[in-house]
N, C-alpha and C. Protein backbone atom coordinates (compact mmCIF):
# COMPACT_ATOMS: atom_id res chain seq x y z
N UNK A 1 -10.21 28.96 65.49
CA UNK A 1 -10.30 27.87 64.61
C UNK A 1 -11.77 27.51 64.11
N UNK A 2 -12.65 27.96 65.14
CA UNK A 2 -14.28 27.68 65.02
C UNK A 2 -14.54 28.64 64.06
N UNK A 3 -14.07 29.70 63.89
CA UNK A 3 -14.41 30.76 62.80
C UNK A 3 -13.85 30.38 61.39
N UNK A 4 -12.86 29.41 61.16
CA UNK A 4 -12.57 28.88 60.00
C UNK A 4 -13.30 27.82 59.63
N UNK A 5 -13.75 27.00 60.39
CA UNK A 5 -14.74 25.81 60.13
C UNK A 5 -16.09 26.46 59.73
N UNK A 6 -16.33 27.56 60.39
CA UNK A 6 -17.76 28.12 60.20
C UNK A 6 -17.85 28.85 58.69
N UNK A 7 -16.60 29.51 58.53
CA UNK A 7 -16.67 29.91 57.08
C UNK A 7 -16.53 28.96 55.93
N UNK A 8 -16.14 27.82 56.26
CA UNK A 8 -16.01 26.65 55.08
C UNK A 8 -17.44 26.11 55.27
N UNK A 9 -18.08 25.90 56.42
CA UNK A 9 -19.38 25.50 56.24
C UNK A 9 -20.26 26.52 55.54
N UNK A 10 -20.11 27.73 55.87
CA UNK A 10 -20.85 28.62 55.16
C UNK A 10 -20.90 28.53 53.50
N UNK A 11 -19.48 28.44 53.06
CA UNK A 11 -19.26 28.34 51.69
C UNK A 11 -19.84 26.92 51.19
N UNK A 12 -19.69 25.93 51.75
CA UNK A 12 -20.36 24.63 51.26
C UNK A 12 -21.94 24.87 51.25
N UNK A 13 -22.69 25.44 52.15
CA UNK A 13 -23.88 25.71 52.35
C UNK A 13 -24.43 26.51 51.39
N UNK A 14 -23.75 27.34 50.61
CA UNK A 14 -24.12 28.36 49.75
C UNK A 14 -24.75 27.69 48.43
N UNK A 15 -25.76 28.36 48.01
CA UNK A 15 -26.25 27.74 46.79
C UNK A 15 -25.31 28.12 45.37
N UNK A 16 -24.36 28.94 45.46
CA UNK A 16 -23.58 29.26 44.54
C UNK A 16 -22.61 27.89 44.31
N UNK A 17 -22.11 27.19 45.52
CA UNK A 17 -21.35 26.26 45.67
C UNK A 17 -22.01 24.99 45.01
N UNK A 18 -23.43 25.00 45.21
CA UNK A 18 -24.12 23.81 44.59
C UNK A 18 -24.13 23.77 43.21
N UNK A 19 -24.57 25.28 42.81
CA UNK A 19 -24.35 25.45 41.34
C UNK A 19 -23.26 24.93 40.64
N UNK A 20 -21.86 25.42 41.35
CA UNK A 20 -20.53 25.24 40.70
C UNK A 20 -20.51 23.71 40.73
N UNK A 21 -20.85 22.89 41.79
CA UNK A 21 -20.51 21.56 41.88
C UNK A 21 -21.48 20.76 40.97
N UNK A 22 -22.72 21.47 40.43
CA UNK A 22 -23.37 20.60 39.43
C UNK A 22 -22.98 20.80 38.06
N UNK A 23 -22.34 22.21 38.01
CA UNK A 23 -21.61 22.26 36.61
C UNK A 23 -20.57 21.46 36.30
N UNK A 24 -19.60 21.46 37.52
CA UNK A 24 -18.60 20.59 37.24
C UNK A 24 -18.97 19.02 37.03
N UNK A 25 -19.98 18.62 37.60
CA UNK A 25 -20.39 17.09 37.48
C UNK A 25 -20.96 16.98 36.17
N UNK A 26 -21.65 18.21 35.61
CA UNK A 26 -22.07 18.06 34.25
C UNK A 26 -20.93 18.07 33.27
N UNK A 27 -20.14 18.78 33.38
CA UNK A 27 -18.81 18.65 32.57
C UNK A 27 -18.26 17.46 32.53
N UNK A 28 -18.11 16.94 33.54
CA UNK A 28 -17.36 15.43 33.82
C UNK A 28 -18.20 14.51 33.04
N UNK A 29 -19.49 14.57 33.08
CA UNK A 29 -20.60 13.72 32.42
C UNK A 29 -20.48 13.80 30.96
N UNK A 30 -20.29 14.99 30.50
CA UNK A 30 -20.30 15.37 29.09
C UNK A 30 -18.84 14.83 28.62
N UNK A 31 -17.85 15.06 29.38
CA UNK A 31 -16.36 14.43 28.94
C UNK A 31 -16.42 13.05 28.88
N UNK A 32 -16.92 12.36 29.84
CA UNK A 32 -17.33 10.74 29.94
C UNK A 32 -18.03 10.21 28.68
N UNK A 33 -19.11 10.98 28.27
CA UNK A 33 -20.05 10.61 26.93
C UNK A 33 -18.88 10.83 25.80
N UNK A 34 -18.21 12.00 26.05
CA UNK A 34 -17.38 12.26 24.65
C UNK A 34 -16.36 11.19 24.56
N UNK A 35 -15.84 10.67 25.58
CA UNK A 35 -14.88 9.72 25.44
C UNK A 35 -15.42 8.44 24.93
N UNK A 36 -16.65 8.04 25.27
CA UNK A 36 -17.49 6.81 24.82
C UNK A 36 -17.45 7.01 23.36
N UNK A 37 -17.95 8.25 22.89
CA UNK A 37 -18.20 8.39 21.43
C UNK A 37 -16.96 8.60 20.61
N UNK A 38 -15.89 9.13 21.15
CA UNK A 38 -14.55 9.00 20.65
C UNK A 38 -13.97 7.45 20.53
N UNK A 39 -14.24 6.63 21.63
CA UNK A 39 -13.92 5.14 21.67
C UNK A 39 -14.57 4.43 20.23
N UNK A 40 -15.80 4.69 20.28
CA UNK A 40 -16.49 4.09 19.25
C UNK A 40 -16.12 4.48 17.88
N UNK A 41 -16.08 5.85 17.43
CA UNK A 41 -15.47 6.32 16.39
C UNK A 41 -13.93 5.83 15.95
N UNK A 42 -13.16 5.86 17.05
CA UNK A 42 -11.75 5.38 16.92
C UNK A 42 -11.78 3.82 16.48
N UNK A 43 -12.48 3.14 17.26
CA UNK A 43 -12.62 1.65 17.21
C UNK A 43 -13.07 1.26 15.70
N UNK A 44 -13.99 1.99 15.24
CA UNK A 44 -14.31 1.75 13.91
C UNK A 44 -13.44 2.02 12.91
N UNK A 45 -12.68 2.89 12.99
CA UNK A 45 -11.67 3.10 12.03
C UNK A 45 -10.53 1.91 12.18
N UNK A 46 -10.16 1.40 13.35
CA UNK A 46 -9.02 0.30 13.39
C UNK A 46 -9.47 -0.81 13.73
N UNK A 47 -10.79 -1.23 13.76
CA UNK A 47 -10.94 -2.63 14.10
C UNK A 47 -11.97 -3.25 13.06
N UNK A 48 -11.87 -4.22 12.42
CA UNK A 48 -13.01 -4.93 11.53
C UNK A 48 -14.04 -5.35 12.34
N UNK A 49 -13.96 -6.31 13.34
CA UNK A 49 -14.92 -7.01 14.07
C UNK A 49 -15.94 -6.17 14.93
N UNK A 50 -17.12 -6.22 14.50
CA UNK A 50 -18.09 -5.44 15.53
C UNK A 50 -18.43 -5.98 16.87
N UNK A 51 -17.97 -7.27 17.27
CA UNK A 51 -18.04 -7.56 18.51
C UNK A 51 -17.12 -6.73 19.27
N UNK A 52 -15.82 -6.77 18.89
CA UNK A 52 -14.58 -6.24 19.50
C UNK A 52 -14.90 -4.81 19.53
N UNK A 53 -15.39 -4.01 18.59
CA UNK A 53 -16.02 -2.76 18.77
C UNK A 53 -16.94 -2.41 19.79
N UNK A 54 -18.10 -3.52 20.03
CA UNK A 54 -18.83 -3.20 21.02
C UNK A 54 -18.34 -3.36 22.34
N UNK A 55 -17.39 -4.26 22.52
CA UNK A 55 -16.73 -4.60 23.70
C UNK A 55 -15.83 -3.27 24.35
N UNK A 56 -15.03 -2.78 23.12
CA UNK A 56 -14.35 -1.62 23.48
C UNK A 56 -15.17 -0.47 24.14
N UNK A 57 -16.26 -0.20 23.40
CA UNK A 57 -17.27 0.78 23.75
C UNK A 57 -18.15 0.66 25.07
N UNK A 58 -18.34 -0.50 25.33
CA UNK A 58 -18.98 -1.01 26.70
C UNK A 58 -17.86 -1.02 27.77
N UNK A 59 -16.50 -1.45 27.47
CA UNK A 59 -15.52 -0.90 28.56
C UNK A 59 -15.43 0.60 28.93
N UNK A 60 -15.59 1.23 27.81
CA UNK A 60 -15.29 2.65 28.12
C UNK A 60 -16.60 3.26 28.74
N UNK A 61 -17.85 2.69 28.48
CA UNK A 61 -19.02 3.25 29.01
C UNK A 61 -19.03 2.81 30.59
N UNK A 62 -18.67 1.56 30.90
CA UNK A 62 -18.76 1.02 32.15
C UNK A 62 -17.74 1.56 33.06
N UNK A 63 -16.55 1.45 32.58
CA UNK A 63 -15.33 1.74 33.35
C UNK A 63 -15.01 3.37 33.43
N UNK A 64 -15.48 3.99 32.59
CA UNK A 64 -15.41 5.42 32.64
C UNK A 64 -14.16 5.66 32.00
N UNK A 65 -13.75 6.72 32.54
CA UNK A 65 -12.08 7.18 32.11
C UNK A 65 -11.06 6.18 32.04
N UNK A 66 -11.18 5.25 32.97
CA UNK A 66 -10.21 4.05 32.99
C UNK A 66 -10.53 3.14 31.85
N UNK A 67 -11.99 2.96 31.27
CA UNK A 67 -12.09 2.03 30.02
C UNK A 67 -11.53 2.82 28.83
N UNK A 68 -11.83 4.13 28.61
CA UNK A 68 -11.27 4.65 27.42
C UNK A 68 -9.62 4.70 27.84
N UNK A 69 -9.09 4.88 28.58
CA UNK A 69 -7.51 4.58 28.87
C UNK A 69 -7.21 3.02 28.52
N UNK A 70 -7.71 2.22 29.00
CA UNK A 70 -7.55 0.74 28.65
C UNK A 70 -7.68 0.43 27.04
N UNK A 71 -8.80 1.15 26.33
CA UNK A 71 -8.92 0.99 25.07
C UNK A 71 -7.64 1.61 24.27
N UNK A 72 -7.45 2.93 24.79
CA UNK A 72 -6.27 3.68 24.07
C UNK A 72 -4.99 2.99 24.30
N UNK A 73 -4.73 2.17 25.18
CA UNK A 73 -3.50 1.29 25.33
C UNK A 73 -3.51 0.13 24.49
N UNK A 74 -4.75 -0.49 24.41
CA UNK A 74 -4.76 -1.87 23.76
C UNK A 74 -5.21 -1.81 22.20
N UNK A 75 -5.63 -0.55 21.74
CA UNK A 75 -6.05 -0.46 20.45
C UNK A 75 -5.03 -0.68 19.43
N UNK A 76 -5.34 -1.30 18.13
CA UNK A 76 -4.37 -1.53 17.00
C UNK A 76 -3.60 -0.15 16.79
N UNK A 77 -2.39 -0.22 16.44
CA UNK A 77 -1.72 1.01 15.91
C UNK A 77 -2.04 1.54 14.77
N UNK A 78 -2.39 0.78 13.74
CA UNK A 78 -2.90 1.33 12.59
C UNK A 78 -4.24 1.51 12.16
N UNK A 79 -4.72 2.43 11.41
CA UNK A 79 -6.01 2.42 11.02
C UNK A 79 -6.33 1.49 9.85
N UNK A 80 -7.31 0.98 9.66
CA UNK A 80 -7.62 -0.11 8.74
C UNK A 80 -7.26 0.49 7.34
N UNK A 81 -7.62 1.61 7.06
CA UNK A 81 -7.23 2.24 5.66
C UNK A 81 -5.74 2.02 5.22
N UNK A 82 -5.04 2.34 6.17
CA UNK A 82 -3.61 2.20 6.29
C UNK A 82 -3.06 0.82 5.92
N UNK A 83 -3.80 -0.27 6.71
CA UNK A 83 -3.52 -1.52 6.40
C UNK A 83 -3.75 -1.94 5.14
N UNK A 84 -5.06 -1.47 4.65
CA UNK A 84 -5.41 -1.68 3.34
C UNK A 84 -4.32 -1.25 2.40
N UNK A 85 -4.12 -0.04 2.30
CA UNK A 85 -3.23 0.50 1.48
C UNK A 85 -1.77 -0.15 1.41
N UNK A 86 -1.28 -0.70 2.64
CA UNK A 86 -0.22 -1.30 2.54
C UNK A 86 -0.13 -2.55 1.80
N UNK A 87 -1.32 -3.38 1.97
CA UNK A 87 -1.38 -4.47 1.35
C UNK A 87 -1.60 -4.44 -0.14
N UNK A 88 -2.29 -3.03 -0.39
CA UNK A 88 -2.44 -3.07 -2.01
C UNK A 88 -0.94 -2.77 -2.54
N UNK A 89 -0.17 -1.99 -1.73
CA UNK A 89 1.22 -1.75 -2.26
C UNK A 89 2.04 -2.89 -2.47
N UNK A 90 1.84 -3.75 -1.39
CA UNK A 90 2.78 -4.92 -1.27
C UNK A 90 2.09 -5.91 -2.51
N UNK A 91 1.01 -5.81 -2.95
CA UNK A 91 0.56 -6.93 -4.11
C UNK A 91 1.18 -6.22 -5.45
N UNK A 92 0.96 -4.67 -5.47
CA UNK A 92 1.48 -4.07 -6.78
C UNK A 92 3.17 -4.19 -6.84
N UNK A 93 3.70 -4.25 -5.80
CA UNK A 93 5.21 -4.59 -5.57
C UNK A 93 5.35 -6.04 -6.14
N UNK A 94 4.75 -7.07 -5.56
CA UNK A 94 4.81 -8.48 -5.95
C UNK A 94 4.49 -8.66 -7.42
N UNK A 95 3.41 -7.87 -7.82
CA UNK A 95 3.14 -7.87 -9.25
C UNK A 95 4.34 -7.61 -10.37
N UNK A 96 4.86 -6.40 -9.85
CA UNK A 96 5.87 -5.73 -10.57
C UNK A 96 7.15 -6.59 -10.60
N UNK A 97 7.48 -7.08 -9.42
CA UNK A 97 8.59 -8.24 -9.30
C UNK A 97 8.45 -9.25 -10.33
N UNK A 98 7.24 -9.91 -10.42
CA UNK A 98 6.79 -11.06 -11.06
C UNK A 98 7.01 -10.65 -12.73
N UNK A 99 6.76 -9.48 -13.02
CA UNK A 99 6.78 -9.09 -14.20
C UNK A 99 8.25 -8.81 -14.55
N UNK A 100 9.24 -8.56 -13.73
CA UNK A 100 10.67 -8.37 -14.14
C UNK A 100 11.53 -9.78 -14.45
N UNK A 101 12.42 -9.34 -15.42
CA UNK A 101 12.91 -10.75 -15.95
C UNK A 101 14.33 -10.23 -15.68
N UNK A 102 15.11 -11.35 -15.97
CA UNK A 102 16.72 -11.20 -16.07
C UNK A 102 17.10 -11.36 -17.23
N UNK A 103 18.36 -10.54 -17.70
CA UNK A 103 18.87 -10.92 -18.93
C UNK A 103 19.59 -12.11 -19.08
N UNK A 104 19.38 -12.92 -20.06
CA UNK A 104 20.09 -14.29 -19.92
C UNK A 104 21.65 -14.18 -20.36
N UNK A 105 22.05 -12.98 -20.68
CA UNK A 105 23.42 -12.93 -20.79
C UNK A 105 24.16 -12.48 -19.67
N UNK A 106 23.74 -11.26 -18.77
CA UNK A 106 24.63 -10.86 -17.83
C UNK A 106 23.84 -11.07 -16.47
N UNK A 107 22.51 -11.44 -16.49
CA UNK A 107 21.59 -11.71 -15.32
C UNK A 107 21.14 -10.34 -14.72
N UNK A 108 21.45 -9.21 -15.42
CA UNK A 108 20.78 -7.89 -14.99
C UNK A 108 19.28 -7.77 -15.07
N UNK A 109 18.46 -7.39 -14.17
CA UNK A 109 17.09 -7.38 -14.25
C UNK A 109 16.69 -6.45 -15.23
N UNK A 110 15.55 -6.88 -16.10
CA UNK A 110 15.34 -5.99 -17.10
C UNK A 110 13.64 -6.12 -17.10
N UNK A 111 13.01 -4.69 -17.48
CA UNK A 111 11.56 -4.77 -17.45
C UNK A 111 10.98 -5.54 -18.68
N UNK A 112 9.91 -6.08 -18.73
CA UNK A 112 9.18 -6.95 -19.93
C UNK A 112 9.30 -6.12 -21.10
N UNK A 113 9.08 -4.83 -20.96
CA UNK A 113 9.00 -4.01 -22.29
C UNK A 113 10.34 -3.66 -22.99
N UNK A 114 11.40 -4.13 -22.43
CA UNK A 114 12.76 -3.77 -22.93
C UNK A 114 13.02 -4.60 -24.19
N UNK A 115 13.64 -4.04 -25.16
CA UNK A 115 14.04 -4.69 -26.37
C UNK A 115 15.44 -5.04 -26.50
N UNK A 116 16.20 -4.47 -25.81
CA UNK A 116 17.72 -4.89 -25.38
C UNK A 116 17.93 -4.72 -23.88
N UNK A 117 18.98 -5.34 -23.47
CA UNK A 117 19.51 -5.19 -22.30
C UNK A 117 20.53 -3.89 -22.20
N UNK A 118 20.02 -3.06 -21.20
CA UNK A 118 20.77 -1.84 -21.16
C UNK A 118 22.25 -2.01 -20.53
N UNK A 119 22.50 -3.05 -19.74
CA UNK A 119 23.72 -3.15 -19.41
C UNK A 119 24.78 -3.95 -20.30
N UNK A 120 24.47 -5.01 -20.97
CA UNK A 120 25.34 -5.68 -21.88
C UNK A 120 25.04 -5.56 -23.62
N UNK A 121 23.71 -4.89 -23.60
CA UNK A 121 23.46 -4.57 -24.98
C UNK A 121 22.76 -5.74 -25.94
N UNK A 122 22.69 -6.86 -25.22
CA UNK A 122 22.07 -8.09 -25.66
C UNK A 122 20.61 -7.81 -26.52
N UNK A 123 20.39 -8.21 -27.48
CA UNK A 123 19.15 -8.06 -28.01
C UNK A 123 17.93 -8.97 -27.29
N UNK A 124 17.02 -8.54 -26.76
CA UNK A 124 16.22 -9.47 -26.07
C UNK A 124 14.94 -9.86 -26.85
N UNK A 125 14.52 -8.93 -27.79
CA UNK A 125 13.59 -9.11 -28.49
C UNK A 125 13.66 -8.44 -30.03
N UNK A 126 13.03 -8.84 -30.73
CA UNK A 126 12.88 -8.03 -32.05
C UNK A 126 11.60 -7.35 -32.32
N UNK A 127 11.49 -6.64 -33.58
CA UNK A 127 10.49 -5.99 -33.78
C UNK A 127 9.90 -6.48 -35.36
N UNK A 128 8.82 -6.33 -35.43
CA UNK A 128 8.09 -7.01 -36.71
C UNK A 128 8.49 -6.27 -37.73
N UNK A 129 9.00 -6.71 -38.98
CA UNK A 129 9.34 -5.91 -39.95
C UNK A 129 7.95 -5.11 -40.62
N UNK A 130 6.86 -5.74 -40.36
CA UNK A 130 5.57 -4.93 -40.96
C UNK A 130 5.22 -3.82 -40.19
N UNK A 131 4.67 -4.23 -38.87
CA UNK A 131 4.17 -3.21 -38.07
C UNK A 131 5.16 -2.58 -37.02
N UNK A 132 6.09 -2.99 -36.97
CA UNK A 132 7.22 -2.63 -36.00
C UNK A 132 7.02 -2.70 -34.63
N UNK A 133 6.12 -3.67 -34.15
CA UNK A 133 5.77 -3.75 -32.90
C UNK A 133 6.76 -4.86 -32.19
N UNK A 134 6.85 -4.83 -30.93
CA UNK A 134 7.89 -5.65 -30.09
C UNK A 134 7.44 -7.07 -30.14
N UNK A 135 8.12 -7.96 -30.56
CA UNK A 135 7.68 -9.27 -30.22
C UNK A 135 8.81 -10.09 -29.60
N UNK A 136 8.12 -11.45 -29.17
CA UNK A 136 8.92 -12.35 -28.26
C UNK A 136 9.79 -13.06 -29.10
N UNK A 137 10.84 -13.68 -28.65
CA UNK A 137 11.67 -14.19 -29.54
C UNK A 137 11.09 -15.79 -30.07
N UNK A 138 10.26 -16.32 -29.36
CA UNK A 138 9.73 -17.62 -29.72
C UNK A 138 8.61 -17.70 -30.46
N UNK A 139 7.94 -16.44 -30.74
CA UNK A 139 6.74 -16.34 -31.70
C UNK A 139 7.38 -16.56 -33.15
N UNK A 140 6.48 -17.12 -33.93
CA UNK A 140 6.55 -17.64 -35.23
C UNK A 140 5.65 -16.63 -36.04
N UNK A 141 4.56 -16.01 -35.53
CA UNK A 141 3.96 -14.97 -36.22
C UNK A 141 3.48 -13.97 -35.44
N UNK A 142 3.36 -12.75 -36.12
CA UNK A 142 3.17 -11.43 -35.39
C UNK A 142 1.94 -11.40 -35.15
N UNK A 143 1.22 -11.39 -33.71
CA UNK A 143 0.07 -11.39 -33.41
C UNK A 143 -0.82 -10.19 -33.80
N UNK A 144 -0.16 -9.08 -34.07
CA UNK A 144 -0.70 -7.88 -34.26
C UNK A 144 -1.03 -7.46 -35.78
N UNK A 145 -0.24 -7.91 -36.70
CA UNK A 145 -0.52 -7.86 -38.25
C UNK A 145 -0.65 -9.20 -38.69
N UNK A 146 -0.27 -10.37 -38.19
CA UNK A 146 -0.30 -11.43 -38.93
C UNK A 146 0.79 -11.90 -39.74
N UNK A 147 1.83 -11.06 -39.77
CA UNK A 147 3.00 -11.28 -40.76
C UNK A 147 3.80 -12.70 -40.32
N UNK A 148 4.03 -13.54 -41.28
CA UNK A 148 4.96 -14.70 -40.98
C UNK A 148 6.34 -14.28 -40.45
N UNK A 149 6.76 -14.89 -39.69
CA UNK A 149 8.15 -14.44 -39.07
C UNK A 149 9.32 -15.54 -39.45
N UNK A 150 9.06 -16.28 -40.28
CA UNK A 150 9.87 -17.39 -40.69
C UNK A 150 11.25 -16.71 -41.23
N UNK A 151 12.27 -17.16 -40.59
CA UNK A 151 13.43 -16.64 -41.27
C UNK A 151 13.79 -17.31 -42.69
N UNK A 152 13.88 -16.32 -43.35
CA UNK A 152 14.14 -16.68 -44.80
C UNK A 152 15.69 -16.78 -44.93
N UNK A 153 16.05 -17.98 -45.26
CA UNK A 153 17.38 -18.30 -45.35
C UNK A 153 18.22 -17.73 -46.70
N UNK A 154 18.92 -16.97 -46.67
CA UNK A 154 19.56 -16.33 -47.90
C UNK A 154 20.93 -17.25 -48.04
N UNK A 155 21.13 -17.83 -49.24
CA UNK A 155 22.27 -18.74 -49.53
C UNK A 155 23.12 -17.74 -49.61
N UNK A 156 24.49 -18.19 -48.85
CA UNK A 156 25.72 -17.41 -48.92
C UNK A 156 26.11 -16.97 -50.21
N UNK A 157 26.81 -15.87 -50.31
CA UNK A 157 27.09 -15.53 -51.78
C UNK A 157 28.40 -16.52 -52.19
N UNK A 158 28.30 -16.88 -53.40
CA UNK A 158 29.39 -17.77 -53.78
C UNK A 158 30.64 -16.92 -54.70
N UNK A 159 31.58 -17.06 -54.28
CA UNK A 159 32.73 -16.41 -55.19
C UNK A 159 32.79 -17.14 -56.30
N UNK A 160 32.81 -16.42 -57.41
CA UNK A 160 33.04 -17.12 -58.73
C UNK A 160 34.44 -17.20 -58.98
N UNK A 161 35.22 -18.54 -59.25
CA UNK A 161 36.37 -18.36 -59.44
C UNK A 161 36.69 -17.83 -60.81
N UNK A 162 35.93 -17.71 -61.76
CA UNK A 162 36.36 -17.29 -62.83
C UNK A 162 36.80 -16.02 -62.95
N UNK A 163 36.22 -14.92 -62.12
CA UNK A 163 36.65 -13.66 -61.78
C UNK A 163 38.15 -13.61 -61.19
N UNK A 164 38.57 -14.71 -60.47
CA UNK A 164 39.81 -14.31 -59.97
C UNK A 164 41.00 -15.17 -61.18
N UNK A 165 40.39 -15.96 -62.00
CA UNK A 165 41.49 -16.52 -63.06
C UNK A 165 41.44 -15.35 -64.19
N UNK A 166 40.52 -14.48 -64.36
CA UNK A 166 40.75 -13.73 -65.62
C UNK A 166 41.45 -12.29 -64.92
N UNK A 167 41.21 -12.03 -63.75
CA UNK A 167 41.94 -10.95 -63.62
C UNK A 167 43.70 -11.14 -63.27
N UNK A 168 43.88 -12.65 -63.13
CA UNK A 168 45.37 -12.74 -62.81
C UNK A 168 45.81 -12.73 -61.62
N UNK A 169 45.09 -12.64 -60.72
CA UNK A 169 45.54 -12.41 -59.37
C UNK A 169 45.63 -13.89 -58.64
């Protein structure tokens, strides 16, 4: 048994053992600094507030591996770019929904550039007789060419009774 302890003592006292110990300690130190740097880079992508970013980095720096683990557990789930992209998509969808209208006849959702309802075939708008651009029903004048859109009333055709009398029917 004395021989076993003497062998272990000789290994620990060896200069190779000390070099190996320093290399392992150096690797753990590099890994610790790399995790602090990763925490900084990741926090900047996920958090807007610079104070919270600083707290996360300090936690990782002071508490070492546990600080990085705590940050990894508590960090926001999404990147700031993803949040901004989702907000832009939501705003675009809201604008699109605000632009949609319902057909007054059947209630089907129609886009603002439709001239007729594709469901019930009701005419939603008309075209200018001059420039053939789509017009709103309430417009009195074509804003594109200046054409007056007053409906010209044509008197109904009058049946002449003389024709009926002369033909004898």
